[in-house]
Amino acid sequence: MSWGLEVLELDEDADERAIKRAYAKRLRVTRPEDDSVAFQQLHEAYQAALAWAKDRDPADALWPDSGPDEPLQSAASAVEDAGIAPPAIAGSHADDHVRANPGMDVEAIADRILAEAVQQEPEALQAWLAQQPELWSLHWKVRIADSLLEALFSAAEPVQADNLDLLAEMFGWDEIGSSVDPYALDAQRVQMHRRWVVQPGNHHRLAELLQRCGLPNPPATARDHMAWLSRPWNHWQALLTSLSPQRGRDLNRTLDALGIDDATPVPAPLQVRQIVFWREIGAIHRLNRERFLQGLLRGVACGVMAALLVLAVGLLGQIAAGDGVAGIHPLATYARVALYAALGLVLLGAVAPTVQTFLHWQVEDEQPYRSPLAALLPIPLLSIVGMVLIHGLDLRTAGTLLAWPVLGLSVWRWWRRSQLQIHFNGWLLLSVVPFLKLLILGMAYAELALTAALALWARDAWTQVWRRQP
């Protein structure tokens, strides 16, 4: 007895008319839009039952088919009304259908599906897949799935994650018992989606990706980031773009969300030289040429603005003096102040990257590739220098000016490495008064600031370094 008759719940002597009626009856409850796998199995059972009936009674082949009954016609019409084209009902077994298509190019079909996945949105892709007759046969579907999976892992075109999820569900790649490595599939999915969001016109999806990574950037910001990372390389243009204080940090966070670093290939249309430049700008843990030039340009820009402001004040003073009001200082004095201010800001901008790298080195967590003892030396050494200035060289003012930055560095190091947080409470305002008293006392006696700095340094050294030594 044929397995198709068992599925259709028919006796062994069922004729072709009974098979068609049973098939039409089952079509009313097994719809392709509800369960495509069950629908495909039902269709193959119908073909197997028809093949069994024809093989049992070859004389039936001499008579023309009377055509499907009315219930089958109504069921087929219902399937067509659902917008999904059902497989053509043939009077042969599924294996006969497979043998009838020996020339089917599986790789070409897989390439066509991949091309549609690259271009289409998920809804359109799902509707297109449902209309492909090659996918109605489970035999060919398995072969196409293998070829498509191989094409996905070797494809250079980007595909959005929603389409990859749709293909995984369609071909059963994410099912339990599948031979596909779920970790490799997920890694390929993430990589292809990241390549897809950087393409022109996908800025809103890039903004969604950044928001999922904790970066609430609007689509306009995402579009600007892609414009800066994909434009032709110009060193001075890139340096001027990086002068904004937060721009380097934001672009490096975008690159982190995209998984782009020095060891990964850069997807088009992003420019490799732009990626390298912004990675150098964001590398605050080490000194480099790009950060030095950025700091120098920032110092020059601030110096020019400060000089113009001082000269404007001097000119206004001279204009007022010309109207009968005596000027406070001659214009040459303002010009001298403007020059000193500009030079000071340029120097400050030049040393700012070095100071930033030093502060980052002091407050970062212990790194396995660095000796923790080296980061412990600066605070006690600076404290000793402060004591020598105060008591050895009788330079209390210089020692006091050094003591307070050392205390600030020690507090910041202890706070950041201990991961402390303050939850505001109204009662905390009561601690402001004694804190101000201690601040005034420390201004008069710099030794108190140095002692407090050493105490916090010792606590951090004990909890974060020495107790963790093997």
Protein backbone atom coordinates (compact mmCIF):
# COMPACT_ATOMS: atom_id res chain seq x y z
CA MET A 1 0.00 0.00 0.00
CA SER A 2 1.25 3.48 -0.89
CA TRP A 3 2.29 5.86 1.90
CA GLY A 4 0.28 8.55 0.13
CA LEU A 5 -2.94 6.59 0.69
CA GLU A 6 -2.13 6.35 4.39
CA VAL A 7 -1.64 10.11 4.63
CA LEU A 8 -4.93 10.71 2.81
CA GLU A 9 -6.61 8.06 5.01
CA LEU A 10 -7.82 6.00 2.01
CA ASP A 11 -8.18 2.29 1.44
CA GLU A 12 -5.88 0.35 -0.84
CA ASP A 13 -8.53 0.08 -3.57
CA ALA A 14 -9.21 3.84 -3.75
CA ASP A 15 -9.45 5.13 -7.30
CA GLU A 16 -8.21 8.38 -8.76
CA ARG A 17 -11.52 10.18 -8.13
CA ALA A 18 -11.45 9.24 -4.42
CA ILE A 19 -7.85 10.37 -4.15
CA LYS A 20 -8.69 13.78 -5.63
CA ARG A 21 -11.65 14.20 -3.31
CA ALA A 22 -9.55 13.32 -0.25
CA TYR A 23 -6.87 15.73 -1.40
CA ALA A 24 -9.42 18.52 -1.85
CA LYS A 25 -10.81 17.82 1.62
CA ARG A 26 -7.38 18.06 3.21
CA LEU A 27 -6.62 21.27 1.31
CA ARG A 28 -9.36 23.04 3.26
CA VAL A 29 -7.41 22.62 6.53
CA THR A 30 -3.84 22.54 5.21
CA ARG A 31 -3.17 25.93 3.67
CA PRO A 32 0.22 26.88 2.16
CA GLU A 33 0.22 30.27 3.88
CA ASP A 34 -0.30 28.62 7.29
CA ASP A 35 2.11 25.67 7.10
CA SER A 36 4.11 25.39 3.89
CA VAL A 37 5.90 22.21 5.01
CA ALA A 38 2.66 20.35 5.77
CA PHE A 39 1.22 21.60 2.49
CA GLN A 40 4.24 20.28 0.59
CA GLN A 41 4.00 16.90 2.32
CA LEU A 42 0.29 16.71 1.50
CA HIS A 43 1.00 17.48 -2.14
CA GLU A 44 3.67 14.77 -2.37
CA ALA A 45 1.33 12.29 -0.68
CA TYR A 46 -1.30 13.17 -3.29
CA GLN A 47 1.19 12.54 -6.10
CA ALA A 48 2.30 9.26 -4.54
CA ALA A 49 -1.33 8.10 -4.21
CA LEU A 50 -2.04 8.98 -7.84
CA ALA A 51 1.07 7.10 -8.96
CA TRP A 52 -0.03 4.06 -6.92
CA ALA A 53 -3.49 4.13 -8.48
CA LYS A 54 -2.11 4.37 -12.03
CA ASP A 55 0.44 1.60 -11.45
CA ARG A 56 -2.28 -0.64 -10.01
CA ASP A 57 -4.65 -0.13 -12.95
CA PRO A 58 -2.73 0.69 -16.16
CA ALA A 59 -5.94 0.58 -18.13
CA ASP A 60 -6.96 3.91 -16.60
CA ALA A 61 -4.28 5.60 -18.61
CA LEU A 62 -6.13 4.70 -21.83
CA TRP A 63 -9.12 6.83 -20.83
CA PRO A 64 -8.96 10.60 -20.70
CA ASP A 65 -9.03 12.09 -17.26
CA SER A 66 -12.45 13.29 -16.29
CA GLY A 67 -10.85 16.24 -14.50
CA PRO A 68 -10.95 17.16 -10.86
CA ASP A 69 -14.19 17.23 -8.97
CA GLU A 70 -15.87 20.40 -7.87
CA PRO A 71 -14.52 20.28 -4.29
CA LEU A 72 -10.98 20.12 -5.64
CA GLN A 73 -11.65 23.07 -7.95
CA SER A 74 -13.01 25.17 -5.08
CA ALA A 75 -10.04 24.28 -2.87
CA ALA A 76 -7.59 25.17 -5.62
CA SER A 77 -9.41 28.46 -6.17
CA ALA A 78 -9.11 29.19 -2.45
CA VAL A 79 -5.36 28.62 -2.60
CA GLU A 80 -5.06 30.97 -5.60
CA ASP A 81 -7.15 33.61 -3.79
CA ALA A 82 -4.66 33.46 -0.89
CA GLY A 83 -2.03 34.91 -3.22
CA ILE A 84 0.28 31.84 -3.13
CA ALA A 85 0.67 29.73 -6.22
CA PRO A 86 0.35 26.03 -5.30
CA PRO A 87 2.40 23.36 -7.05
CA ALA A 88 1.04 22.11 -10.34
CA ILE A 89 -0.94 18.90 -9.76
CA ALA A 90 0.65 16.22 -11.86
CA GLY A 91 -0.19 12.58 -12.14
CA SER A 92 3.29 11.35 -11.30
CA HIS A 93 5.23 10.62 -8.13
CA ALA A 94 7.56 13.27 -6.63
CA ASP A 95 10.59 11.13 -7.55
CA ASP A 96 9.38 11.12 -11.17
CA HIS A 97 9.27 14.92 -10.98
CA VAL A 98 12.85 15.00 -9.70
CA ARG A 99 14.02 12.73 -12.49
CA ALA A 100 12.17 14.89 -14.97
CA ASN A 101 14.35 17.87 -14.05
CA PRO A 102 17.90 16.49 -14.19
CA GLY A 103 19.21 19.72 -15.69
CA MET A 104 18.09 22.05 -12.88
CA ASP A 105 20.98 24.40 -12.05
CA VAL A 106 20.97 24.51 -8.25
CA GLU A 107 23.82 27.02 -8.05
CA ALA A 108 22.06 29.41 -10.43
CA ILE A 109 18.89 29.19 -8.34
CA ALA A 110 20.88 29.87 -5.16
CA ASP A 111 22.56 32.86 -6.79
CA ARG A 112 19.17 34.19 -7.86
CA ILE A 113 17.81 33.85 -4.31
CA LEU A 114 20.91 35.59 -2.93
CA ALA A 115 20.50 38.44 -5.42
CA GLU A 116 16.89 38.92 -4.33
CA ALA A 117 17.95 38.85 -0.66
CA VAL A 118 20.44 41.63 -1.38
CA GLN A 119 17.91 43.87 -3.12
CA GLN A 120 14.51 43.14 -1.54
CA GLU A 121 12.94 44.09 1.77
CA PRO A 122 11.86 41.18 4.03
CA GLU A 123 8.16 41.30 3.11
CA ALA A 124 8.86 41.36 -0.63
CA LEU A 125 11.47 38.61 -0.30
CA GLN A 126 9.08 36.36 1.60
CA ALA A 127 6.38 36.78 -1.06
CA TRP A 128 8.91 36.14 -3.83
CA LEU A 129 10.21 32.94 -2.20
CA ALA A 130 6.67 31.59 -1.84
CA GLN A 131 6.20 31.86 -5.60
CA GLN A 132 9.33 29.92 -6.61
CA PRO A 133 8.33 26.43 -7.86
CA GLU A 134 11.84 25.06 -7.24
CA LEU A 135 11.25 25.41 -3.49
CA TRP A 136 8.00 23.41 -3.51
CA SER A 137 9.90 20.12 -3.72
CA LEU A 138 11.57 19.09 -0.46
CA HIS A 139 14.27 17.25 -2.40
CA TRP A 140 15.31 20.31 -4.40
CA LYS A 141 14.80 22.60 -1.44
CA VAL A 142 17.48 20.76 0.54
CA ARG A 143 19.94 20.92 -2.34
CA ILE A 144 19.21 24.61 -2.95
CA ALA A 145 19.64 25.31 0.78
CA ASP A 146 23.13 23.78 0.78
CA SER A 147 24.18 25.74 -2.29
CA LEU A 148 22.67 28.96 -0.95
CA LEU A 149 24.44 28.57 2.38
CA GLU A 150 27.76 28.13 0.61
CA ALA A 151 27.04 31.22 -1.51
CA LEU A 152 26.21 33.25 1.61
CA PHE A 153 29.50 32.43 3.31
CA SER A 154 31.47 33.39 0.20
CA ALA A 155 29.37 36.36 -0.94
CA ALA A 156 30.79 39.85 -1.12
CA GLU A 157 27.37 41.52 -1.31
CA PRO A 158 25.86 42.71 1.99
CA VAL A 159 22.51 41.33 3.17
CA GLN A 160 20.42 42.77 5.98
CA ALA A 161 19.84 40.67 9.07
CA ASP A 162 16.05 40.43 8.60
CA ASN A 163 16.49 38.78 5.21
CA LEU A 164 19.05 36.36 6.60
CA ASP A 165 16.66 35.44 9.41
CA LEU A 166 13.96 34.83 6.80
CA LEU A 167 16.25 32.54 4.79
CA ALA A 168 17.30 30.66 7.93
CA GLU A 169 13.67 30.04 8.81
CA MET A 170 12.77 29.13 5.24
CA PHE A 171 15.53 26.53 4.86
CA GLY A 172 15.64 25.32 8.47
CA TRP A 173 19.19 26.47 9.24
CA ASP A 174 18.23 27.58 12.75
CA GLU A 175 16.32 24.43 13.67
CA ILE A 176 17.47 21.95 16.31
CA GLY A 177 19.30 19.10 14.62
CA SER A 178 20.40 21.20 11.66
CA SER A 179 23.91 20.51 10.40
CA VAL A 180 24.63 24.25 10.20
CA ASP A 181 26.94 25.62 12.90
CA PRO A 182 24.75 28.20 14.73
CA TYR A 183 27.74 30.25 15.87
CA ALA A 184 29.21 30.48 12.39
CA LEU A 185 25.79 31.34 10.97
CA ASP A 186 25.24 34.08 13.55
CA ALA A 187 28.72 35.51 12.98
CA GLN A 188 28.11 35.65 9.23
CA ARG A 189 24.71 37.24 9.85
CA VAL A 190 26.22 39.98 12.01
CA GLN A 191 29.05 40.61 9.57
CA MET A 192 26.79 40.86 6.51
CA HIS A 193 24.34 43.14 8.32
CA ARG A 194 27.15 45.46 9.39
CA ARG A 195 28.32 45.67 5.79
CA TRP A 196 24.75 46.37 4.72
CA VAL A 197 24.05 49.27 7.13
CA VAL A 198 27.05 51.28 5.86
CA GLN A 199 25.69 51.34 2.32
CA PRO A 200 24.18 54.62 1.06
CA GLY A 201 20.52 54.97 1.96
CA ASN A 202 20.65 52.70 5.03
CA HIS A 203 21.47 55.39 7.59
CA HIS A 204 18.23 54.85 9.51
CA ARG A 205 19.12 51.19 9.99
CA LEU A 206 22.62 52.18 11.09
CA ALA A 207 21.04 54.48 13.67
CA GLU A 208 18.96 51.54 14.93
CA LEU A 209 22.11 49.41 15.22
CA LEU A 210 23.87 52.15 17.18
CA GLN A 211 20.88 52.54 19.49
CA ARG A 212 20.95 48.81 20.26
CA CYS A 213 24.62 49.26 21.17
CA GLY A 214 23.76 52.07 23.60
CA LEU A 215 24.61 54.94 21.23
CA PRO A 216 21.48 57.08 20.74
CA ASN A 217 22.53 58.68 17.46
CA PRO A 218 19.82 60.01 15.12
CA PRO A 219 19.88 59.06 11.42
CA ALA A 220 21.35 62.47 10.54
CA THR A 221 24.36 61.81 12.79
CA ALA A 222 24.78 58.32 11.34
CA ARG A 223 24.70 59.83 7.84
CA ASP A 224 27.41 62.34 8.83
CA HIS A 225 29.58 59.58 10.26
CA MET A 226 29.34 57.58 7.04
CA ALA A 227 30.11 60.71 4.99
CA TRP A 228 33.29 61.39 6.99
CA LEU A 229 34.41 57.76 6.85
CA SER A 230 33.76 57.29 3.12
CA ARG A 231 34.99 60.55 1.57
CA PRO A 232 38.34 60.67 -0.30
CA TRP A 233 41.36 61.04 1.94
CA ASN A 234 42.64 64.53 2.73
CA HIS A 235 44.83 64.86 5.79
CA TRP A 236 44.14 68.50 6.62
CA GLN A 237 40.43 68.09 6.01
CA ALA A 238 40.35 65.13 8.39
CA LEU A 239 42.30 67.06 11.06
CA LEU A 240 39.94 70.04 10.84
CA THR A 241 36.95 67.70 11.10
CA SER A 242 38.42 66.14 14.26
CA LEU A 243 38.70 69.44 16.16
CA SER A 244 35.25 69.01 17.72
CA PRO A 245 35.85 67.60 21.24
CA GLN A 246 33.41 64.65 21.03
CA ARG A 247 33.67 63.80 17.34
CA GLY A 248 36.60 61.42 17.61
CA ARG A 249 34.99 59.56 20.49
CA ASP A 250 31.64 59.24 18.68
CA LEU A 251 33.20 58.00 15.45
CA ASN A 252 35.26 55.41 17.31
CA ARG A 253 32.13 54.17 19.06
CA THR A 254 30.44 53.86 15.67
CA LEU A 255 33.39 51.83 14.38
CA ASP A 256 33.22 49.63 17.49
CA ALA A 257 29.52 48.99 16.87
CA LEU A 258 30.34 48.01 13.27
CA GLY A 259 33.14 45.69 14.43
CA ILE A 260 35.75 47.51 12.32
CA ASP A 261 39.32 47.59 13.62
CA ASP A 262 42.86 47.22 12.32
CA ALA A 263 42.49 43.45 11.89
CA THR A 264 39.23 43.42 9.91
CA PRO A 265 38.66 44.29 6.24
CA VAL A 266 36.98 47.62 5.62
CA PRO A 267 33.65 47.29 3.76
CA ALA A 268 32.94 49.55 0.81
CA PRO A 269 32.29 52.46 0.53
CA LEU A 270 34.34 53.23 3.68
CA GLN A 271 37.92 54.37 3.11
CA VAL A 272 40.77 52.49 4.79
CA ARG A 273 42.82 55.64 5.37
CA GLN A 274 39.89 57.37 7.06
CA ILE A 275 39.40 54.37 9.38
CA VAL A 276 43.09 54.37 10.33
CA PHE A 277 43.03 58.12 11.02
CA TRP A 278 40.00 58.05 13.30
CA ARG A 279 41.31 54.99 15.13
CA GLU A 280 44.52 56.92 15.80
CA ILE A 281 42.51 59.89 17.07
CA GLY A 282 40.61 57.62 19.47
CA ALA A 283 43.73 55.85 20.80
CA ILE A 284 44.04 57.91 24.00
CA HIS A 285 46.03 55.10 25.64
CA ARG A 286 49.10 55.93 23.55
CA LEU A 287 50.75 58.93 21.92
CA ASN A 288 50.75 59.21 18.13
CA ARG A 289 51.29 61.78 15.42
CA GLU A 290 47.62 62.36 14.62
CA ARG A 291 46.68 63.15 18.23
CA PHE A 292 49.64 65.53 18.56
CA LEU A 293 48.64 67.41 15.39
CA GLN A 294 45.03 67.51 16.56
CA GLY A 295 46.03 69.01 19.92
CA LEU A 296 48.32 71.52 18.24
CA LEU A 297 45.57 72.66 15.86
CA ARG A 298 43.13 72.97 18.75
CA GLY A 299 45.67 75.13 20.58
CA VAL A 300 46.17 77.31 17.50
CA ALA A 301 42.41 77.73 17.04
CA CYS A 302 41.86 78.63 20.70
CA GLY A 303 44.90 80.93 20.65
CA VAL A 304 43.65 82.84 17.61
CA MET A 305 40.20 83.30 19.17
CA ALA A 306 41.70 84.44 22.49
CA ALA A 307 44.04 86.89 20.75
CA LEU A 308 41.20 88.36 18.69
CA LEU A 309 39.09 88.75 21.83
CA VAL A 310 41.88 90.57 23.69
CA LEU A 311 42.60 92.84 20.71
CA ALA A 312 38.88 93.61 20.35
CA VAL A 313 38.75 94.69 24.00
CA GLY A 314 41.83 96.88 23.43
CA LEU A 315 40.34 98.50 20.33
CA LEU A 316 37.10 99.24 22.14
CA GLY A 317 39.14 100.83 24.91
CA GLN A 318 41.01 103.01 22.43
CA ILE A 319 37.78 104.05 20.75
CA ALA A 320 36.37 105.01 24.13
CA ALA A 321 39.55 106.98 24.87
CA GLY A 322 39.17 108.84 21.59
CA ASP A 323 35.69 109.95 22.70
CA GLY A 324 37.08 111.60 25.80
CA VAL A 325 37.31 108.61 28.12
CA ALA A 326 40.86 107.75 29.16
CA GLY A 327 42.01 104.32 28.08
CA ILE A 328 43.18 101.95 30.79
CA HIS A 329 46.16 100.51 28.82
CA PRO A 330 47.73 101.35 25.48
CA LEU A 331 47.00 99.11 22.52
CA ALA A 332 50.53 97.69 22.61
CA THR A 333 49.81 96.22 26.03
CA TYR A 334 46.75 94.44 24.68
CA ALA A 335 48.76 93.16 21.73
CA ARG A 336 51.39 91.77 24.11
CA VAL A 337 48.71 90.06 26.22
CA ALA A 338 47.09 88.64 23.08
CA LEU A 339 50.44 87.23 21.93
CA TYR A 340 51.18 85.62 25.30
CA ALA A 341 47.66 84.17 25.50
CA ALA A 342 47.94 82.72 22.00
CA LEU A 343 51.35 81.17 22.70
CA GLY A 344 50.15 79.76 26.01
CA LEU A 345 47.10 78.13 24.44
CA VAL A 346 49.18 76.70 21.58
CA LEU A 347 51.59 75.20 24.12
CA LEU A 348 48.68 73.87 26.17
CA GLY A 349 47.16 72.25 23.09
CA ALA A 350 50.49 70.64 22.20
CA VAL A 351 50.94 69.04 25.65
CA ALA A 352 47.25 68.15 26.12
CA PRO A 353 47.50 64.73 24.35
CA THR A 354 50.44 63.77 26.57
CA VAL A 355 48.57 64.77 29.73
CA GLN A 356 45.45 62.93 28.55
CA THR A 357 47.44 59.75 27.90
CA PHE A 358 49.10 60.01 31.33
CA LEU A 359 45.75 60.44 33.10
CA HIS A 360 44.24 57.52 31.20
CA TRP A 361 47.22 55.37 32.19
CA GLN A 362 46.70 56.28 35.83
CA VAL A 363 42.97 55.53 36.07
CA GLU A 364 42.61 52.52 33.74
CA ASP A 365 42.28 49.00 35.12
CA GLU A 366 45.33 46.80 35.40
CA GLN A 367 46.38 45.34 32.06
CA PRO A 368 47.93 41.85 31.82
CA TYR A 369 50.60 43.03 29.40
CA ARG A 370 51.78 45.88 31.68
CA SER A 371 53.49 45.86 35.03
CA PRO A 372 51.06 47.20 37.68
CA LEU A 373 53.94 48.58 39.73
CA ALA A 374 54.84 51.18 37.08
CA ALA A 375 51.44 52.88 37.40
CA LEU A 376 51.91 53.11 41.19
CA LEU A 377 55.03 55.29 41.04
CA PRO A 378 53.82 58.73 39.80
CA ILE A 379 51.63 59.73 42.79
CA PRO A 380 54.20 59.02 45.56
CA LEU A 381 56.99 60.56 43.48
CA LEU A 382 54.98 63.74 42.90
CA SER A 383 54.12 63.85 46.60
CA ILE A 384 57.81 63.64 47.50
CA VAL A 385 58.59 66.45 45.04
CA GLY A 386 55.88 68.58 46.67
CA MET A 387 57.34 67.99 50.14
CA VAL A 388 60.83 68.90 48.89
CA LEU A 389 59.52 72.13 47.37
CA ILE A 390 57.77 73.10 50.60
CA HIS A 391 60.31 72.10 53.23
CA GLY A 392 63.56 71.65 51.33
CA LEU A 393 63.51 74.62 48.97
CA ASP A 394 61.08 76.78 50.95
CA LEU A 395 58.82 77.15 47.89
CA ARG A 396 55.47 76.73 49.59
CA THR A 397 53.49 78.33 46.77
CA ALA A 398 54.97 76.00 44.18
CA GLY A 399 54.49 73.02 46.48
CA THR A 400 50.86 73.96 47.07
CA LEU A 401 50.22 74.33 43.34
CA LEU A 402 51.62 70.83 42.88
CA ALA A 403 49.86 69.27 45.90
CA TRP A 404 46.31 69.91 44.75
CA PRO A 405 46.64 68.35 41.29
CA VAL A 406 48.27 65.33 42.94
CA LEU A 407 45.32 65.04 45.34
CA GLY A 408 42.87 65.38 42.45
CA LEU A 409 44.66 62.64 40.50
CA SER A 410 44.66 60.36 43.55
CA VAL A 411 40.93 60.90 44.16
CA TRP A 412 40.09 60.31 40.51
CA ARG A 413 42.23 57.16 40.35
CA TRP A 414 40.66 55.71 43.50
CA TRP A 415 37.11 56.66 42.41
CA ARG A 416 37.33 55.28 38.88
CA ARG A 417 39.10 52.04 39.78
CA SER A 418 36.76 51.37 42.71
CA GLN A 419 33.73 51.98 40.43
CA LEU A 420 31.96 54.10 43.03
CA GLN A 421 28.72 55.95 42.35
CA ILE A 422 26.91 58.74 44.18
CA HIS A 423 23.14 58.66 44.53
CA PHE A 424 22.08 62.21 45.30
CA ASN A 425 20.42 62.76 48.64
CA GLY A 426 19.47 66.03 50.26
CA TRP A 427 21.43 65.12 53.36
CA LEU A 428 24.62 65.16 51.29
CA LEU A 429 24.39 68.94 51.24
CA LEU A 430 25.26 68.93 54.94
CA SER A 431 28.72 67.60 54.07
CA VAL A 432 29.49 70.64 51.92
CA VAL A 433 30.28 72.89 54.89
CA PRO A 434 32.96 70.68 56.53
CA PHE A 435 34.34 69.90 53.08
CA LEU A 436 34.79 73.61 52.37
CA LYS A 437 36.51 74.05 55.73
CA LEU A 438 38.92 71.24 54.90
CA LEU A 439 39.49 72.81 51.49
CA ILE A 440 40.43 76.15 53.02
CA LEU A 441 42.67 74.42 55.57
CA GLY A 442 44.35 72.46 52.79
CA MET A 443 45.04 75.65 50.85
CA ALA A 444 46.97 76.94 53.84
CA TYR A 445 48.70 73.64 54.61
CA ALA A 446 49.61 71.74 51.46
CA GLU A 447 50.93 68.89 53.58
CA LEU A 448 47.33 67.86 54.30
CA ALA A 449 46.58 67.53 50.58
CA LEU A 450 49.72 65.45 50.00
CA THR A 451 48.94 63.23 53.01
CA ALA A 452 45.38 62.63 51.76
CA ALA A 453 46.72 61.83 48.29
CA LEU A 454 49.12 59.24 49.70
CA ALA A 455 46.35 57.69 51.84
CA LEU A 456 44.03 57.24 48.85
CA TRP A 457 46.93 55.97 46.77
CA ALA A 458 47.81 53.37 49.42
CA ARG A 459 44.21 52.17 49.63
CA ASP A 460 43.97 51.79 45.86
CA ALA A 461 47.33 50.01 45.72
CA TRP A 462 46.25 47.54 48.40
CA THR A 463 42.79 46.74 47.01
CA GLN A 464 43.52 46.85 43.26
CA VAL A 465 47.14 45.67 42.96
CA TRP A 466 48.78 43.95 45.91
CA ARG A 467 45.78 41.87 47.00
CA ARG A 468 45.39 40.59 43.43
CA GLN A 469 48.99 39.53 43.03
CA PRO A 470 49.30 35.72 42.66
